[in-house]
Amino acid sequence: MSIVPVFRGRVSDQGHVELLEAERVRRQAFFRTLAGKPIELTVRPARTRRSLDQNAFIHAVPVTILAEHFGYTIPEMKLVLMGECWGWKQIAGHEVPIKPSTAEMSVEDATYFIDWVIPWALTNHGVVIPLPNEVAA
């Protein structure tokens, strides 16, 4: 399996694809490796990763508070929360989270996770997690 680069841009109001000028050299170099070959072109809305503020909050507040409550390490607690929120799958006879890392979260995923974990902790375990605007993460 080869690495497939992602080139960024936007679609103009007229429906024209406008690729980032800053990526031109890298794009041209990659295209030269495909000279004479059939290609597929996929266009999709840009994915947005969770924000650094969201990531800081998730790790510093709910994960830390719940790890202390349950006696888990931070990485253990994060895996448990990711599995409880997003579900579990079987790999080689082991149950692992469908989304094992916050790095895979979009902004929308991180918002969902934060909105999920606060009531989950209180309802299921009696643990109060402050809202993001109630702490400095």
N, C-alpha and C. Protein backbone atom coordinates (compact mmCIF):
# COMPACT_ATOMS: atom_id res chain seq x y z
N MET A 1 0.84 -1.18 0.00
CA MET A 1 0.00 0.00 0.00
C MET A 1 0.89 1.24 0.00
N SER A 2 0.63 2.14 -0.91
CA SER A 2 1.43 3.35 -0.98
C SER A 2 0.72 4.50 -0.27
N ILE A 3 1.50 5.48 0.13
CA ILE A 3 0.94 6.65 0.78
C ILE A 3 0.29 7.53 -0.27
N VAL A 4 -0.91 7.97 0.00
CA VAL A 4 -1.64 8.83 -0.92
C VAL A 4 -1.66 10.24 -0.32
N PRO A 5 -1.03 11.19 -1.00
CA PRO A 5 -1.01 12.55 -0.45
C PRO A 5 -2.39 13.20 -0.52
N VAL A 6 -2.61 14.15 0.35
CA VAL A 6 -3.83 14.95 0.33
C VAL A 6 -3.43 16.37 -0.02
N PHE A 7 -4.07 16.91 -1.04
CA PHE A 7 -3.82 18.29 -1.45
C PHE A 7 -5.04 19.11 -1.09
N ARG A 8 -4.80 20.26 -0.51
CA ARG A 8 -5.87 21.11 0.00
C ARG A 8 -6.21 22.24 -0.98
N GLY A 9 -7.43 22.69 -0.89
CA GLY A 9 -7.89 23.80 -1.71
C GLY A 9 -9.31 24.15 -1.33
N ARG A 10 -10.01 24.74 -2.27
CA ARG A 10 -11.41 25.10 -2.06
C ARG A 10 -12.11 25.10 -3.41
N VAL A 11 -13.43 25.11 -3.37
CA VAL A 11 -14.21 25.24 -4.59
C VAL A 11 -14.76 26.65 -4.62
N SER A 12 -14.51 27.36 -5.70
CA SER A 12 -14.95 28.75 -5.84
C SER A 12 -16.47 28.81 -5.96
N ASP A 13 -17.00 30.01 -5.86
CA ASP A 13 -18.45 30.22 -6.03
C ASP A 13 -18.93 29.79 -7.41
N GLN A 14 -18.01 29.79 -8.38
CA GLN A 14 -18.34 29.36 -9.74
C GLN A 14 -18.19 27.85 -9.94
N GLY A 15 -17.78 27.15 -8.88
CA GLY A 15 -17.63 25.70 -8.97
C GLY A 15 -16.28 25.23 -9.47
N HIS A 16 -15.27 26.10 -9.48
CA HIS A 16 -13.93 25.73 -9.95
C HIS A 16 -13.08 25.30 -8.76
N VAL A 17 -12.28 24.28 -8.96
CA VAL A 17 -11.36 23.82 -7.91
C VAL A 17 -10.15 24.74 -7.90
N GLU A 18 -9.84 25.28 -6.74
CA GLU A 18 -8.67 26.16 -6.56
C GLU A 18 -7.76 25.50 -5.53
N LEU A 19 -6.64 24.95 -5.99
CA LEU A 19 -5.70 24.27 -5.10
C LEU A 19 -4.75 25.28 -4.47
N LEU A 20 -4.25 24.96 -3.28
CA LEU A 20 -3.36 25.87 -2.57
C LEU A 20 -2.06 26.06 -3.33
N GLU A 21 -1.69 27.30 -3.53
CA GLU A 21 -0.45 27.64 -4.23
C GLU A 21 0.76 27.09 -3.48
N ALA A 22 0.70 27.10 -2.16
CA ALA A 22 1.83 26.64 -1.33
C ALA A 22 2.16 25.17 -1.55
N GLU A 23 1.21 24.40 -2.09
CA GLU A 23 1.43 22.97 -2.32
C GLU A 23 1.81 22.65 -3.77
N ARG A 24 1.97 23.67 -4.60
CA ARG A 24 2.18 23.45 -6.03
C ARG A 24 3.37 22.54 -6.32
N VAL A 25 4.53 22.80 -5.73
CA VAL A 25 5.74 22.02 -6.03
C VAL A 25 5.54 20.56 -5.63
N ARG A 26 5.00 20.34 -4.44
CA ARG A 26 4.76 18.97 -3.97
C ARG A 26 3.75 18.26 -4.85
N ARG A 27 2.71 18.98 -5.26
CA ARG A 27 1.66 18.43 -6.11
C ARG A 27 2.24 18.02 -7.46
N GLN A 28 3.02 18.92 -8.07
CA GLN A 28 3.61 18.62 -9.38
C GLN A 28 4.56 17.43 -9.31
N ALA A 29 5.34 17.36 -8.24
CA ALA A 29 6.26 16.23 -8.09
C ALA A 29 5.49 14.91 -7.99
N PHE A 30 4.41 14.93 -7.25
CA PHE A 30 3.60 13.71 -7.13
C PHE A 30 2.96 13.36 -8.47
N PHE A 31 2.40 14.35 -9.16
CA PHE A 31 1.75 14.09 -10.44
C PHE A 31 2.73 13.50 -11.45
N ARG A 32 4.00 13.94 -11.41
CA ARG A 32 5.01 13.39 -12.34
C ARG A 32 5.20 11.89 -12.11
N THR A 33 5.04 11.41 -10.87
CA THR A 33 5.20 9.97 -10.61
C THR A 33 4.06 9.16 -11.23
N LEU A 34 2.98 9.84 -11.60
CA LEU A 34 1.82 9.16 -12.18
C LEU A 34 1.70 9.35 -13.69
N ALA A 35 2.69 9.97 -14.30
CA ALA A 35 2.64 10.27 -15.74
C ALA A 35 2.30 9.02 -16.54
N GLY A 36 1.30 9.14 -17.40
CA GLY A 36 0.90 8.05 -18.28
C GLY A 36 0.03 6.99 -17.62
N LYS A 37 -0.26 7.11 -16.33
CA LYS A 37 -1.06 6.11 -15.62
C LYS A 37 -2.49 6.59 -15.44
N PRO A 38 -3.45 5.67 -15.45
CA PRO A 38 -4.83 6.07 -15.14
C PRO A 38 -4.91 6.46 -13.65
N ILE A 39 -5.75 7.42 -13.32
CA ILE A 39 -5.88 7.88 -11.94
C ILE A 39 -7.35 7.92 -11.53
N GLU A 40 -7.59 8.06 -10.24
CA GLU A 40 -8.91 8.36 -9.68
C GLU A 40 -8.78 9.67 -8.93
N LEU A 41 -9.78 10.50 -9.02
CA LEU A 41 -9.77 11.77 -8.30
C LEU A 41 -10.95 11.77 -7.34
N THR A 42 -10.68 12.00 -6.06
CA THR A 42 -11.71 12.06 -5.03
C THR A 42 -11.72 13.46 -4.44
N VAL A 43 -12.89 14.05 -4.36
CA VAL A 43 -13.02 15.37 -3.75
C VAL A 43 -14.04 15.24 -2.62
N ARG A 44 -13.68 15.73 -1.44
CA ARG A 44 -14.59 15.68 -0.30
C ARG A 44 -14.37 16.93 0.54
N PRO A 45 -15.33 17.28 1.37
CA PRO A 45 -15.10 18.42 2.27
C PRO A 45 -13.89 18.13 3.17
N ALA A 46 -13.13 19.17 3.46
CA ALA A 46 -11.94 19.00 4.30
C ALA A 46 -12.34 18.50 5.67
N ARG A 47 -11.57 17.59 6.18
CA ARG A 47 -11.79 17.09 7.54
C ARG A 47 -11.17 18.06 8.52
N THR A 48 -11.84 18.29 9.60
CA THR A 48 -11.30 19.17 10.62
C THR A 48 -10.99 18.35 11.87
N ARG A 49 -9.75 18.42 12.30
CA ARG A 49 -9.34 17.73 13.52
C ARG A 49 -9.87 18.46 14.73
N ARG A 50 -9.97 17.73 15.83
CA ARG A 50 -10.41 18.37 17.06
C ARG A 50 -9.45 19.50 17.37
N SER A 51 -9.94 20.53 18.02
CA SER A 51 -9.09 21.67 18.30
C SER A 51 -8.13 21.35 19.44
N LEU A 52 -7.07 22.11 19.53
CA LEU A 52 -6.12 21.91 20.63
C LEU A 52 -6.77 22.21 21.97
N ASP A 53 -7.68 23.19 22.02
CA ASP A 53 -8.41 23.47 23.25
C ASP A 53 -9.28 22.29 23.66
N GLN A 54 -9.97 21.69 22.69
CA GLN A 54 -10.78 20.52 22.99
C GLN A 54 -9.91 19.37 23.50
N ASN A 55 -8.80 19.13 22.83
CA ASN A 55 -7.90 18.06 23.22
C ASN A 55 -7.35 18.30 24.63
N ALA A 56 -6.95 19.53 24.91
CA ALA A 56 -6.42 19.86 26.24
C ALA A 56 -7.49 19.63 27.30
N PHE A 57 -8.71 20.07 27.03
CA PHE A 57 -9.80 19.88 27.99
C PHE A 57 -10.05 18.40 28.24
N ILE A 58 -10.19 17.63 27.17
CA ILE A 58 -10.49 16.20 27.30
C ILE A 58 -9.45 15.51 28.19
N HIS A 59 -8.17 15.76 27.92
CA HIS A 59 -7.12 15.10 28.69
C HIS A 59 -6.98 15.64 30.11
N ALA A 60 -7.09 16.96 30.27
CA ALA A 60 -6.84 17.57 31.58
C ALA A 60 -8.02 17.44 32.53
N VAL A 61 -9.23 17.38 32.00
CA VAL A 61 -10.38 17.43 32.90
C VAL A 61 -11.09 16.07 33.00
N PRO A 62 -11.93 15.66 32.04
CA PRO A 62 -12.66 14.42 32.28
C PRO A 62 -11.77 13.18 32.40
N VAL A 63 -10.77 13.06 31.53
CA VAL A 63 -9.92 11.87 31.60
C VAL A 63 -9.17 11.83 32.92
N THR A 64 -8.61 12.94 33.35
CA THR A 64 -7.84 12.99 34.59
C THR A 64 -8.73 12.75 35.81
N ILE A 65 -9.88 13.41 35.86
CA ILE A 65 -10.79 13.24 37.00
C ILE A 65 -11.27 11.80 37.09
N LEU A 66 -11.66 11.22 35.97
CA LEU A 66 -12.16 9.85 35.99
C LEU A 66 -11.06 8.83 36.25
N ALA A 67 -9.85 9.07 35.75
CA ALA A 67 -8.73 8.16 36.03
C ALA A 67 -8.46 8.14 37.53
N GLU A 68 -8.48 9.30 38.15
CA GLU A 68 -8.28 9.36 39.61
C GLU A 68 -9.42 8.66 40.34
N HIS A 69 -10.64 8.86 39.89
CA HIS A 69 -11.81 8.23 40.52
C HIS A 69 -11.73 6.70 40.45
N PHE A 70 -11.36 6.16 39.29
CA PHE A 70 -11.34 4.71 39.11
C PHE A 70 -10.01 4.07 39.45
N GLY A 71 -8.95 4.87 39.63
CA GLY A 71 -7.64 4.31 39.90
C GLY A 71 -6.93 3.81 38.66
N TYR A 72 -7.28 4.35 37.51
CA TYR A 72 -6.63 3.98 36.26
C TYR A 72 -5.54 4.98 35.91
N THR A 73 -4.66 4.59 35.00
CA THR A 73 -3.72 5.54 34.43
C THR A 73 -4.49 6.38 33.42
N ILE A 74 -3.89 7.49 33.01
CA ILE A 74 -4.52 8.34 32.00
C ILE A 74 -4.75 7.56 30.70
N PRO A 75 -3.73 6.84 30.16
CA PRO A 75 -3.98 6.09 28.92
C PRO A 75 -5.06 5.01 29.08
N GLU A 76 -5.10 4.34 30.24
CA GLU A 76 -6.14 3.33 30.46
C GLU A 76 -7.53 3.97 30.46
N MET A 77 -7.65 5.09 31.17
CA MET A 77 -8.95 5.75 31.27
C MET A 77 -9.40 6.26 29.92
N LYS A 78 -8.46 6.81 29.16
CA LYS A 78 -8.80 7.32 27.83
C LYS A 78 -9.34 6.20 26.95
N LEU A 79 -8.71 5.03 26.97
CA LEU A 79 -9.20 3.90 26.18
C LEU A 79 -10.59 3.47 26.62
N VAL A 80 -10.81 3.41 27.93
CA VAL A 80 -12.13 3.03 28.43
C VAL A 80 -13.18 4.03 27.96
N LEU A 81 -12.90 5.31 28.10
CA LEU A 81 -13.87 6.33 27.69
C LEU A 81 -14.12 6.30 26.20
N MET A 82 -13.08 6.12 25.41
CA MET A 82 -13.25 6.06 23.96
C MET A 82 -14.15 4.88 23.58
N GLY A 83 -13.95 3.74 24.24
CA GLY A 83 -14.78 2.57 23.97
C GLY A 83 -16.22 2.76 24.43
N GLU A 84 -16.39 3.33 25.61
CA GLU A 84 -17.75 3.56 26.12
C GLU A 84 -18.51 4.54 25.25
N CYS A 85 -17.83 5.56 24.76
CA CYS A 85 -18.48 6.57 23.92
C CYS A 85 -18.74 6.06 22.51
N TRP A 86 -17.72 5.51 21.85
CA TRP A 86 -17.81 5.19 20.42
C TRP A 86 -18.10 3.73 20.15
N GLY A 87 -18.03 2.88 21.18
CA GLY A 87 -18.28 1.46 20.99
C GLY A 87 -16.99 0.66 20.91
N TRP A 88 -17.16 -0.64 20.89
CA TRP A 88 -16.03 -1.57 20.94
C TRP A 88 -16.06 -2.48 19.72
N LYS A 89 -14.88 -3.01 19.35
CA LYS A 89 -14.78 -4.02 18.30
C LYS A 89 -13.81 -5.09 18.76
N GLN A 90 -13.93 -6.26 18.17
CA GLN A 90 -13.06 -7.39 18.49
C GLN A 90 -11.87 -7.42 17.53
N ILE A 91 -10.67 -7.46 18.08
CA ILE A 91 -9.46 -7.63 17.28
C ILE A 91 -8.63 -8.71 17.96
N ALA A 92 -8.40 -9.78 17.24
CA ALA A 92 -7.59 -10.90 17.73
C ALA A 92 -8.05 -11.34 19.12
N GLY A 93 -9.36 -11.42 19.31
CA GLY A 93 -9.92 -11.90 20.56
C GLY A 93 -9.94 -10.87 21.68
N HIS A 94 -9.60 -9.63 21.38
CA HIS A 94 -9.60 -8.57 22.40
C HIS A 94 -10.58 -7.48 22.00
N GLU A 95 -11.25 -6.93 23.00
CA GLU A 95 -12.16 -5.82 22.76
C GLU A 95 -11.36 -4.52 22.81
N VAL A 96 -11.45 -3.74 21.74
CA VAL A 96 -10.74 -2.46 21.67
C VAL A 96 -11.72 -1.38 21.20
N PRO A 97 -11.47 -0.13 21.57
CA PRO A 97 -12.37 0.94 21.14
C PRO A 97 -12.38 1.09 19.62
N ILE A 98 -13.55 1.38 19.07
CA ILE A 98 -13.66 1.64 17.63
C ILE A 98 -12.79 2.84 17.27
N LYS A 99 -12.83 3.88 18.09
CA LYS A 99 -11.93 5.04 17.95
C LYS A 99 -11.00 5.00 19.14
N PRO A 100 -9.75 4.56 18.97
CA PRO A 100 -8.86 4.40 20.10
C PRO A 100 -8.14 5.66 20.55
N SER A 101 -8.25 6.74 19.78
CA SER A 101 -7.44 7.92 20.09
C SER A 101 -8.21 9.20 19.80
N THR A 102 -7.97 10.22 20.60
CA THR A 102 -8.58 11.52 20.34
C THR A 102 -8.01 12.16 19.08
N ALA A 103 -6.85 11.71 18.64
CA ALA A 103 -6.23 12.26 17.44
C ALA A 103 -7.10 12.03 16.21
N GLU A 104 -7.93 11.00 16.24
CA GLU A 104 -8.80 10.68 15.12
C GLU A 104 -10.10 11.47 15.14
N MET A 105 -10.31 12.27 16.19
CA MET A 105 -11.57 13.00 16.32
C MET A 105 -11.58 14.27 15.47
N SER A 106 -12.73 14.55 14.89
CA SER A 106 -12.96 15.85 14.26
C SER A 106 -13.41 16.82 15.35
N VAL A 107 -13.57 18.08 15.00
CA VAL A 107 -14.11 19.05 15.95
C VAL A 107 -15.49 18.58 16.42
N GLU A 108 -16.30 18.10 15.49
CA GLU A 108 -17.64 17.63 15.83
C GLU A 108 -17.58 16.41 16.75
N ASP A 109 -16.66 15.48 16.47
CA ASP A 109 -16.50 14.30 17.34
C ASP A 109 -16.10 14.71 18.75
N ALA A 110 -15.16 15.64 18.87
CA ALA A 110 -14.69 16.08 20.18
C ALA A 110 -15.81 16.78 20.94
N THR A 111 -16.61 17.58 20.24
CA THR A 111 -17.77 18.22 20.87
C THR A 111 -18.75 17.16 21.37
N TYR A 112 -19.02 16.16 20.54
CA TYR A 112 -19.91 15.08 20.93
C TYR A 112 -19.36 14.36 22.17
N PHE A 113 -18.06 14.05 22.15
CA PHE A 113 -17.44 13.33 23.25
C PHE A 113 -17.57 14.12 24.55
N ILE A 114 -17.27 15.41 24.50
CA ILE A 114 -17.37 16.26 25.70
C ILE A 114 -18.82 16.32 26.18
N ASP A 115 -19.75 16.49 25.25
CA ASP A 115 -21.16 16.53 25.61
C ASP A 115 -21.65 15.18 26.15
N TRP A 116 -21.02 14.10 25.74
CA TRP A 116 -21.39 12.76 26.21
C TRP A 116 -20.77 12.46 27.57
N VAL A 117 -19.48 12.75 27.77
CA VAL A 117 -18.76 12.29 28.95
C VAL A 117 -19.25 12.95 30.24
N ILE A 118 -19.67 14.20 30.17
CA ILE A 118 -20.08 14.92 31.38
C ILE A 118 -21.33 14.28 32.01
N PRO A 119 -22.41 14.08 31.25
CA PRO A 119 -23.56 13.40 31.86
C PRO A 119 -23.32 11.92 32.14
N TRP A 120 -22.50 11.25 31.31
CA TRP A 120 -22.19 9.84 31.53
C TRP A 120 -21.51 9.65 32.89
N ALA A 121 -20.54 10.50 33.18
CA ALA A 121 -19.80 10.39 34.45
C ALA A 121 -20.73 10.63 35.64
N LEU A 122 -21.60 11.62 35.54
CA LEU A 122 -22.50 11.94 36.64
C LEU A 122 -23.58 10.88 36.81
N THR A 123 -24.22 10.51 35.72
CA THR A 123 -25.34 9.56 35.78
C THR A 123 -24.89 8.16 36.17
N ASN A 124 -23.80 7.69 35.58
CA ASN A 124 -23.37 6.30 35.81
C ASN A 124 -22.44 6.12 36.99
N HIS A 125 -21.73 7.19 37.38
CA HIS A 125 -20.70 7.02 38.41
C HIS A 125 -20.70 8.09 39.49
N GLY A 126 -21.63 9.05 39.41
CA GLY A 126 -21.72 10.10 40.42
C GLY A 126 -20.52 11.05 40.44
N VAL A 127 -19.82 11.13 39.32
CA VAL A 127 -18.63 11.98 39.23
C VAL A 127 -19.00 13.27 38.49
N VAL A 128 -18.73 14.40 39.12
CA VAL A 128 -19.03 15.69 38.51
C VAL A 128 -17.82 16.14 37.69
N ILE A 129 -18.07 16.38 36.41
CA ILE A 129 -17.04 16.90 35.50
C ILE A 129 -17.45 18.34 35.19
N PRO A 130 -16.58 19.31 35.45
CA PRO A 130 -16.93 20.69 35.12
C PRO A 130 -17.03 20.89 33.61
N LEU A 131 -17.84 21.85 33.21
CA LEU A 131 -17.96 22.21 31.80
C LEU A 131 -16.69 22.92 31.33
N PRO A 132 -16.43 22.91 30.02
CA PRO A 132 -15.21 23.56 29.53
C PRO A 132 -15.08 25.02 29.94
N ASN A 133 -16.18 25.75 30.03
CA ASN A 133 -16.10 27.16 30.40
C ASN A 133 -15.95 27.37 31.91
N GLU A 134 -15.92 26.28 32.66
CA GLU A 134 -15.80 26.36 34.13
C GLU A 134 -14.38 26.06 34.61
N VAL A 135 -13.48 25.75 33.68
CA VAL A 135 -12.09 25.43 34.04
C VAL A 135 -11.14 26.04 33.02
N ALA A 136 -9.89 26.17 33.43
CA ALA A 136 -8.84 26.55 32.50
C ALA A 136 -8.01 25.31 32.25
N ALA A 137 -8.15 24.72 31.07
CA ALA A 137 -7.45 23.47 30.76
C ALA A 137 -6.06 23.74 30.25
